[in-house]
Amino acid sequence: VAAARAHGHHAQTTVLTTILPTDPPRGIEVEVTLP
């Protein structure tokens, strides 16, 4: 449902966002911390 590329080899945080297929729909975010 979402994809991203992180450039460089430094520590960084990337956030991916989507909406879950529930009733009612719910938005979520996933925070990925890279070393």
PDB file of all heavy atoms in Angstrom:
ATOM      1  N   VAL A   1       0.812  -1.213   0.000  1.00  0.00           N
ATOM      2  CA  VAL A   1       0.000   0.000   0.000  1.00  0.00           C
ATOM      3  C   VAL A   1       0.848   1.268   0.000  1.00  0.00           C
ATOM      4  O   VAL A   1       0.328   2.354  -0.268  1.00  0.00           O
ATOM      5  CB  VAL A   1      -0.987   0.026   1.190  1.00  0.00           C
ATOM      6  CG1 VAL A   1      -2.022  -1.080   1.057  1.00  0.00           C
ATOM      7  CG2 VAL A   1      -0.256  -0.089   2.512  1.00  0.00           C
ATOM      8  N   ALA A   2       2.128   1.142   0.302  1.00  0.00           N
ATOM      9  CA  ALA A   2       3.023   2.308   0.283  1.00  0.00           C
ATOM     10  C   ALA A   2       4.456   1.810   0.120  1.00  0.00           C
ATOM     11  O   ALA A   2       4.785   0.683   0.510  1.00  0.00           O
ATOM     12  CB  ALA A   2       2.898   3.125   1.563  1.00  0.00           C
ATOM     13  N   ALA A   3       5.294   2.662  -0.470  1.00  0.00           N
ATOM     14  CA  ALA A   3       6.708   2.330  -0.648  1.00  0.00           C
ATOM     15  C   ALA A   3       7.518   3.612  -0.629  1.00  0.00           C
ATOM     16  O   ALA A   3       6.990   4.698  -0.896  1.00  0.00           O
ATOM     17  CB  ALA A   3       6.916   1.586  -1.967  1.00  0.00           C
ATOM     18  N   ALA A   4       8.790   3.476  -0.298  1.00  0.00           N
ATOM     19  CA  ALA A   4       9.683   4.636  -0.259  1.00  0.00           C
ATOM     20  C   ALA A   4      11.116   4.168  -0.433  1.00  0.00           C
ATOM     21  O   ALA A   4      11.432   2.995  -0.207  1.00  0.00           O
ATOM     22  CB  ALA A   4       9.532   5.389   1.058  1.00  0.00           C
ATOM     23  N   ARG A   5      11.957   5.097  -0.843  1.00  0.00           N
ATOM     24  CA  ARG A   5      13.403   4.867  -0.901  1.00  0.00           C
ATOM     25  C   ARG A   5      14.078   5.891  -0.022  1.00  0.00           C
ATOM     26  O   ARG A   5      13.720   7.064  -0.052  1.00  0.00           O
ATOM     27  CB  ARG A   5      13.930   5.031  -2.321  1.00  0.00           C
ATOM     28  CG  ARG A   5      13.721   3.833  -3.165  1.00  0.00           C
ATOM     29  CD  ARG A   5      14.588   3.899  -4.390  1.00  0.00           C
ATOM     30  NE  ARG A   5      14.398   2.682  -5.137  1.00  0.00           N
ATOM     31  CZ  ARG A   5      14.546   2.578  -6.419  1.00  0.00           C
ATOM     32  NH1 ARG A   5      14.900   3.632  -7.116  1.00  0.00           N
ATOM     33  NH2 ARG A   5      14.368   1.439  -7.020  1.00  0.00           N
ATOM     34  N   ALA A   6      15.041   5.448   0.744  1.00  0.00           N
ATOM     35  CA  ALA A   6      15.818   6.352   1.585  1.00  0.00           C
ATOM     36  C   ALA A   6      17.214   6.432   0.994  1.00  0.00           C
ATOM     37  O   ALA A   6      17.847   5.412   0.743  1.00  0.00           O
ATOM     38  CB  ALA A   6      15.862   5.833   3.013  1.00  0.00           C
ATOM     39  N   HIS A   7      17.664   7.636   0.730  1.00  0.00           N
ATOM     40  CA  HIS A   7      18.964   7.829   0.106  1.00  0.00           C
ATOM     41  C   HIS A   7      20.009   8.157   1.153  1.00  0.00           C
ATOM     42  O   HIS A   7      19.722   8.796   2.163  1.00  0.00           O
ATOM     43  CB  HIS A   7      18.887   8.950  -0.933  1.00  0.00           C
ATOM     44  CG  HIS A   7      17.922   8.639  -2.030  1.00  0.00           C
ATOM     45  ND1 HIS A   7      18.198   7.754  -3.041  1.00  0.00           N
ATOM     46  CD2 HIS A   7      16.651   9.055  -2.244  1.00  0.00           C
ATOM     47  CE1 HIS A   7      17.154   7.660  -3.850  1.00  0.00           C
ATOM     48  NE2 HIS A   7      16.195   8.446  -3.378  1.00  0.00           N
ATOM     49  N   GLY A   8      21.227   7.711   0.915  1.00  0.00           N
ATOM     50  CA  GLY A   8      22.314   7.985   1.836  1.00  0.00           C
ATOM     51  C   GLY A   8      22.411   6.919   2.908  1.00  0.00           C
ATOM     52  O   GLY A   8      21.541   6.070   3.062  1.00  0.00           O
ATOM     53  N   HIS A   9      23.503   6.954   3.633  1.00  0.00           N
ATOM     54  CA  HIS A   9      23.735   5.958   4.678  1.00  0.00           C
ATOM     55  C   HIS A   9      23.855   6.622   6.038  1.00  0.00           C
ATOM     56  O   HIS A   9      24.633   6.206   6.877  1.00  0.00           O
ATOM     57  CB  HIS A   9      24.988   5.137   4.346  1.00  0.00           C
ATOM     58  CG  HIS A   9      24.786   4.277   3.148  1.00  0.00           C
ATOM     59  ND1 HIS A   9      24.083   3.102   3.192  1.00  0.00           N
ATOM     60  CD2 HIS A   9      25.154   4.443   1.859  1.00  0.00           C
ATOM     61  CE1 HIS A   9      24.040   2.560   1.983  1.00  0.00           C
ATOM     62  NE2 HIS A   9      24.681   3.362   1.153  1.00  0.00           N
ATOM     63  N   HIS A  10      23.083   7.658   6.252  1.00  0.00           N
ATOM     64  CA  HIS A  10      23.068   8.317   7.557  1.00  0.00           C
ATOM     65  C   HIS A  10      21.781   7.930   8.275  1.00  0.00           C
ATOM     66  O   HIS A  10      20.817   7.486   7.667  1.00  0.00           O
ATOM     67  CB  HIS A  10      23.178   9.840   7.389  1.00  0.00           C
ATOM     68  CG  HIS A  10      22.150  10.407   6.462  1.00  0.00           C
ATOM     69  ND1 HIS A  10      22.293  10.371   5.091  1.00  0.00           N
ATOM     70  CD2 HIS A  10      20.961  10.986   6.700  1.00  0.00           C
ATOM     71  CE1 HIS A  10      21.234  10.925   4.526  1.00  0.00           C
ATOM     72  NE2 HIS A  10      20.410  11.298   5.478  1.00  0.00           N
ATOM     73  N   ALA A  11      21.795   8.076   9.594  1.00  0.00           N
ATOM     74  CA  ALA A  11      20.610   7.746  10.377  1.00  0.00           C
ATOM     75  C   ALA A  11      19.465   8.667   9.969  1.00  0.00           C
ATOM     76  O   ALA A  11      19.655   9.866   9.789  1.00  0.00           O
ATOM     77  CB  ALA A  11      20.913   7.897  11.864  1.00  0.00           C
ATOM     78  N   GLN A  12      18.288   8.091   9.785  1.00  0.00           N
ATOM     79  CA  GLN A  12      17.129   8.882   9.387  1.00  0.00           C
ATOM     80  C   GLN A  12      15.842   8.147   9.725  1.00  0.00           C
ATOM     81  O   GLN A  12      15.848   6.951   9.965  1.00  0.00           O
ATOM     82  CB  GLN A  12      17.176   9.208   7.893  1.00  0.00           C
ATOM     83  CG  GLN A  12      17.224   7.993   6.988  1.00  0.00           C
ATOM     84  CD  GLN A  12      17.412   8.394   5.542  1.00  0.00           C
ATOM     85  OE1 GLN A  12      16.601   9.131   5.009  1.00  0.00           O
ATOM     86  NE2 GLN A  12      18.469   7.929   4.922  1.00  0.00           N
ATOM     87  N   THR A  13      14.767   8.885   9.734  1.00  0.00           N
ATOM     88  CA  THR A  13      13.446   8.318  10.004  1.00  0.00           C
ATOM     89  C   THR A  13      12.544   8.585   8.810  1.00  0.00           C
ATOM     90  O   THR A  13      12.486   9.697   8.303  1.00  0.00           O
ATOM     91  CB  THR A  13      12.838   8.937  11.277  1.00  0.00           C
ATOM     92  OG1 THR A  13      13.711   8.662  12.374  1.00  0.00           O
ATOM     93  CG2 THR A  13      11.475   8.362  11.569  1.00  0.00           C
ATOM     94  N   THR A  14      11.840   7.550   8.364  1.00  0.00           N
ATOM     95  CA  THR A  14      10.909   7.650   7.247  1.00  0.00           C
ATOM     96  C   THR A  14       9.522   7.249   7.749  1.00  0.00           C
ATOM     97  O   THR A  14       9.396   6.277   8.490  1.00  0.00           O
ATOM     98  CB  THR A  14      11.338   6.715   6.096  1.00  0.00           C
ATOM     99  OG1 THR A  14      12.653   7.069   5.681  1.00  0.00           O
ATOM    100  CG2 THR A  14      10.389   6.820   4.923  1.00  0.00           C
ATOM    101  N   VAL A  15       8.500   7.993   7.347  1.00  0.00           N
ATOM    102  CA  VAL A  15       7.132   7.694   7.763  1.00  0.00           C
ATOM    103  C   VAL A  15       6.324   7.276   6.540  1.00  0.00           C
ATOM    104  O   VAL A  15       6.282   7.989   5.532  1.00  0.00           O
ATOM    105  CB  VAL A  15       6.482   8.915   8.452  1.00  0.00           C
ATOM    106  CG1 VAL A  15       5.034   8.615   8.813  1.00  0.00           C
ATOM    107  CG2 VAL A  15       7.273   9.309   9.695  1.00  0.00           C
ATOM    108  N   LEU A  16       5.675   6.112   6.635  1.00  0.00           N
ATOM    109  CA  LEU A  16       4.793   5.608   5.587  1.00  0.00           C
ATOM    110  C   LEU A  16       3.361   5.705   6.111  1.00  0.00           C
ATOM    111  O   LEU A  16       3.089   5.359   7.259  1.00  0.00           O
ATOM    112  CB  LEU A  16       5.127   4.156   5.250  1.00  0.00           C
ATOM    113  CG  LEU A  16       6.551   3.897   4.755  1.00  0.00           C
ATOM    114  CD1 LEU A  16       6.824   2.399   4.690  1.00  0.00           C
ATOM    115  CD2 LEU A  16       6.754   4.520   3.391  1.00  0.00           C
ATOM    116  N   THR A  17       2.445   6.177   5.267  1.00  0.00           N
ATOM    117  CA  THR A  17       1.053   6.418   5.671  1.00  0.00           C
ATOM    118  C   THR A  17       0.107   5.620   4.790  1.00  0.00           C
ATOM    119  O   THR A  17       0.320   5.495   3.584  1.00  0.00           O
ATOM    120  CB  THR A  17       0.729   7.920   5.533  1.00  0.00           C
ATOM    121  OG1 THR A  17       1.685   8.657   6.293  1.00  0.00           O
ATOM    122  CG2 THR A  17      -0.654   8.236   6.043  1.00  0.00           C
ATOM    123  N   THR A  18      -0.969   5.106   5.397  1.00  0.00           N
ATOM    124  CA  THR A  18      -2.006   4.414   4.630  1.00  0.00           C
ATOM    125  C   THR A  18      -3.319   4.445   5.406  1.00  0.00           C
ATOM    126  O   THR A  18      -3.375   4.879   6.547  1.00  0.00           O
ATOM    127  CB  THR A  18      -1.611   2.953   4.314  1.00  0.00           C
ATOM    128  OG1 THR A  18      -2.511   2.419   3.355  1.00  0.00           O
ATOM    129  CG2 THR A  18      -1.620   2.093   5.565  1.00  0.00           C
ATOM    130  N   ILE A  19      -4.372   3.960   4.768  1.00  0.00           N
ATOM    131  CA  ILE A  19      -5.690   3.835   5.387  1.00  0.00           C
ATOM    132  C   ILE A  19      -6.042   2.353   5.397  1.00  0.00           C
ATOM    133  O   ILE A  19      -5.980   1.685   4.367  1.00  0.00           O
ATOM    134  CB  ILE A  19      -6.747   4.646   4.620  1.00  0.00           C
ATOM    135  CG1 ILE A  19      -6.387   6.128   4.694  1.00  0.00           C
ATOM    136  CG2 ILE A  19      -8.138   4.386   5.176  1.00  0.00           C
ATOM    137  CD1 ILE A  19      -7.281   7.029   3.897  1.00  0.00           C
ATOM    138  N   LEU A  20      -6.407   1.849   6.573  1.00  0.00           N
ATOM    139  CA  LEU A  20      -6.770   0.437   6.701  1.00  0.00           C
ATOM    140  C   LEU A  20      -8.173   0.196   6.144  1.00  0.00           C
ATOM    141  O   LEU A  20      -9.060   1.038   6.310  1.00  0.00           O
ATOM    142  CB  LEU A  20      -6.726   0.008   8.171  1.00  0.00           C
ATOM    143  CG  LEU A  20      -5.370   0.075   8.848  1.00  0.00           C
ATOM    144  CD1 LEU A  20      -5.499  -0.342  10.303  1.00  0.00           C
ATOM    145  CD2 LEU A  20      -4.357  -0.796   8.140  1.00  0.00           C
ATOM    146  N   PRO A  21      -8.383  -0.972   5.512  1.00  0.00           N
ATOM    147  CA  PRO A  21      -9.696  -1.289   4.944  1.00  0.00           C
ATOM    148  C   PRO A  21     -10.658  -1.820   6.010  1.00  0.00           C
ATOM    149  O   PRO A  21     -11.103  -2.953   5.963  1.00  0.00           O
ATOM    150  CB  PRO A  21      -9.365  -2.351   3.893  1.00  0.00           C
ATOM    151  CG  PRO A  21      -8.174  -3.053   4.461  1.00  0.00           C
ATOM    152  CD  PRO A  21      -7.388  -1.991   5.183  1.00  0.00           C
ATOM    153  N   THR A  22     -10.954  -1.000   7.012  1.00  0.00           N
ATOM    154  CA  THR A  22     -11.876  -1.393   8.080  1.00  0.00           C
ATOM    155  C   THR A  22     -13.161  -0.589   7.934  1.00  0.00           C
ATOM    156  O   THR A  22     -13.254   0.298   7.092  1.00  0.00           O
ATOM    157  CB  THR A  22     -11.238  -1.108   9.458  1.00  0.00           C
ATOM    158  OG1 THR A  22     -10.905   0.279   9.548  1.00  0.00           O
ATOM    159  CG2 THR A  22      -9.984  -1.937   9.668  1.00  0.00           C
ATOM    160  N   ASP A  23     -14.131  -0.894   8.753  1.00  0.00           N
ATOM    161  CA  ASP A  23     -15.381  -0.137   8.711  1.00  0.00           C
ATOM    162  C   ASP A  23     -15.591   0.514  10.062  1.00  0.00           C
ATOM    163  O   ASP A  23     -15.903  -0.179  11.023  1.00  0.00           O
ATOM    164  CB  ASP A  23     -16.544  -1.067   8.375  1.00  0.00           C
ATOM    165  CG  ASP A  23     -17.826  -0.302   8.111  1.00  0.00           C
ATOM    166  OD1 ASP A  23     -17.738   0.879   7.710  1.00  0.00           O
ATOM    167  OD2 ASP A  23     -18.914  -0.878   8.331  1.00  0.00           O
ATOM    168  N   PRO A  24     -15.402   1.781  10.224  1.00  0.00           N
ATOM    169  CA  PRO A  24     -14.995   2.791   9.238  1.00  0.00           C
ATOM    170  C   PRO A  24     -13.488   2.711   8.963  1.00  0.00           C
ATOM    171  O   PRO A  24     -12.739   2.192   9.787  1.00  0.00           O
ATOM    172  CB  PRO A  24     -15.347   4.116   9.933  1.00  0.00           C
ATOM    173  CG  PRO A  24     -15.185   3.827  11.379  1.00  0.00           C
ATOM    174  CD  PRO A  24     -15.615   2.384  11.548  1.00  0.00           C
ATOM    175  N   PRO A  25     -13.052   3.226   7.819  1.00  0.00           N
ATOM    176  CA  PRO A  25     -11.621   3.222   7.507  1.00  0.00           C
ATOM    177  C   PRO A  25     -10.813   3.989   8.555  1.00  0.00           C
ATOM    178  O   PRO A  25     -11.271   5.001   9.071  1.00  0.00           O
ATOM    179  CB  PRO A  25     -11.555   3.923   6.145  1.00  0.00           C
ATOM    180  CG  PRO A  25     -12.922   3.768   5.569  1.00  0.00           C
ATOM    181  CD  PRO A  25     -13.854   3.796   6.740  1.00  0.00           C
ATOM    182  N   ARG A  26      -9.630   3.479   8.867  1.00  0.00           N
ATOM    183  CA  ARG A  26      -8.762   4.104   9.862  1.00  0.00           C
ATOM    184  C   ARG A  26      -7.406   4.396   9.241  1.00  0.00           C
ATOM    185  O   ARG A  26      -6.817   3.547   8.592  1.00  0.00           O
ATOM    186  CB  ARG A  26      -8.532   3.165  11.046  1.00  0.00           C
ATOM    187  CG  ARG A  26      -9.769   2.781  11.761  1.00  0.00           C
ATOM    188  CD  ARG A  26      -9.459   1.795  12.844  1.00  0.00           C
ATOM    189  NE  ARG A  26     -10.706   1.279  13.394  1.00  0.00           N
ATOM    190  CZ  ARG A  26     -10.777   0.542  14.461  1.00  0.00           C
ATOM    191  NH1 ARG A  26      -9.684   0.223  15.107  1.00  0.00           N
ATOM    192  NH2 ARG A  26     -11.933   0.122  14.897  1.00  0.00           N
ATOM    193  N   GLY A  27      -6.912   5.596   9.464  1.00  0.00           N
ATOM    194  CA  GLY A  27      -5.587   5.964   8.983  1.00  0.00           C
ATOM    195  C   GLY A  27      -4.522   5.555   9.985  1.00  0.00           C
ATOM    196  O   GLY A  27      -4.731   5.615  11.193  1.00  0.00           O
ATOM    197  N   ILE A  28      -3.383   5.082   9.460  1.00  0.00           N
ATOM    198  CA  ILE A  28      -2.251   4.743  10.309  1.00  0.00           C
ATOM    199  C   ILE A  28      -0.981   5.307   9.680  1.00  0.00           C
ATOM    200  O   ILE A  28      -0.941   5.611   8.486  1.00  0.00           O
ATOM    201  CB  ILE A  28      -2.068   3.216  10.512  1.00  0.00           C
ATOM    202  CG1 ILE A  28      -1.767   2.519   9.170  1.00  0.00           C
ATOM    203  CG2 ILE A  28      -3.251   2.607  11.216  1.00  0.00           C
ATOM    204  CD1 ILE A  28      -1.255   1.107   9.315  1.00  0.00           C
ATOM    205  N   GLU A  29       0.040   5.424  10.502  1.00  0.00           N
ATOM    206  CA  GLU A  29       1.377   5.766  10.041  1.00  0.00           C
ATOM    207  C   GLU A  29       2.341   4.756  10.616  1.00  0.00           C
ATOM    208  O   GLU A  29       2.133   4.258  11.730  1.00  0.00           O
ATOM    209  CB  GLU A  29       1.774   7.171  10.505  1.00  0.00           C
ATOM    210  CG  GLU A  29       0.968   8.274   9.887  1.00  0.00           C
ATOM    211  CD  GLU A  29       1.408   9.646  10.379  1.00  0.00           C
ATOM    212  OE1 GLU A  29       2.008   9.728  11.475  1.00  0.00           O
ATOM    213  OE2 GLU A  29       1.147  10.618   9.668  1.00  0.00           O
ATOM    214  N   VAL A  30       3.368   4.454   9.864  1.00  0.00           N
ATOM    215  CA  VAL A  30       4.426   3.578  10.342  1.00  0.00           C
ATOM    216  C   VAL A  30       5.731   4.353  10.236  1.00  0.00           C
ATOM    217  O   VAL A  30       6.083   4.842   9.162  1.00  0.00           O
ATOM    218  CB  VAL A  30       4.493   2.266   9.537  1.00  0.00           C
ATOM    219  CG1 VAL A  30       5.663   1.422   9.987  1.00  0.00           C
ATOM    220  CG2 VAL A  30       3.202   1.488   9.673  1.00  0.00           C
ATOM    221  N   GLU A  31       6.419   4.475  11.356  1.00  0.00           N
ATOM    222  CA  GLU A  31       7.675   5.220  11.433  1.00  0.00           C
ATOM    223  C   GLU A  31       8.825   4.206  11.436  1.00  0.00           C
ATOM    224  O   GLU A  31       8.893   3.347  12.314  1.00  0.00           O
ATOM    225  CB  GLU A  31       7.666   6.023  12.728  1.00  0.00           C
ATOM    226  CG  GLU A  31       8.862   6.873  12.959  1.00  0.00           C
ATOM    227  CD  GLU A  31       8.735   7.621  14.273  1.00  0.00           C
ATOM    228  OE1 GLU A  31       8.167   8.727  14.262  1.00  0.00           O
ATOM    229  OE2 GLU A  31       9.178   7.070  15.301  1.00  0.00           O
ATOM    230  N   VAL A  32       9.697   4.300  10.439  1.00  0.00           N
ATOM    231  CA  VAL A  32      10.840   3.397  10.327  1.00  0.00           C
ATOM    232  C   VAL A  32      12.106   4.207  10.567  1.00  0.00           C
ATOM    233  O   VAL A  32      12.375   5.176   9.852  1.00  0.00           O
ATOM    234  CB  VAL A  32      10.895   2.718   8.941  1.00  0.00           C
ATOM    235  CG1 VAL A  32      12.065   1.754   8.858  1.00  0.00           C
ATOM    236  CG2 VAL A  32       9.590   2.000   8.640  1.00  0.00           C
ATOM    237  N   THR A  33      12.874   3.809  11.580  1.00  0.00           N
ATOM    238  CA  THR A  33      14.117   4.485  11.911  1.00  0.00           C
ATOM    239  C   THR A  33      15.272   3.651  11.388  1.00  0.00           C
ATOM    240  O   THR A  33      15.423   2.478  11.754  1.00  0.00           O
ATOM    241  CB  THR A  33      14.243   4.680  13.437  1.00  0.00           C
ATOM    242  OG1 THR A  33      13.103   5.406  13.880  1.00  0.00           O
ATOM    243  CG2 THR A  33      15.493   5.447  13.787  1.00  0.00           C
ATOM    244  N   LEU A  34      16.062   4.248  10.499  1.00  0.00           N
ATOM    245  CA  LEU A  34      17.182   3.563   9.876  1.00  0.00           C
ATOM    246  C   LEU A  34      18.485   3.938  10.571  1.00  0.00           C
ATOM    247  O   LEU A  34      18.676   5.095  10.928  1.00  0.00           O
ATOM    248  CB  LEU A  34      17.262   3.944   8.397  1.00  0.00           C
ATOM    249  CG  LEU A  34      15.998   3.666   7.586  1.00  0.00           C
ATOM    250  CD1 LEU A  34      16.125   4.261   6.197  1.00  0.00           C
ATOM    251  CD2 LEU A  34      15.740   2.183   7.506  1.00  0.00           C
ATOM    252  N   PRO A  35      19.386   2.969  10.757  1.00  0.00           N
ATOM    253  CA  PRO A  35      20.651   3.260  11.413  1.00  0.00           C
ATOM    254  C   PRO A  35      21.599   4.012  10.489  1.00  0.00           C
ATOM    255  O   PRO A  35      21.408   4.033   9.274  1.00  0.00           O
ATOM    256  CB  PRO A  35      21.201   1.875  11.754  1.00  0.00           C
ATOM    257  CG  PRO A  35      20.642   0.993  10.687  1.00  0.00           C
ATOM    258  CD  PRO A  35      19.271   1.563  10.380  1.00  0.00           C
TER     259      PRO A  35
END
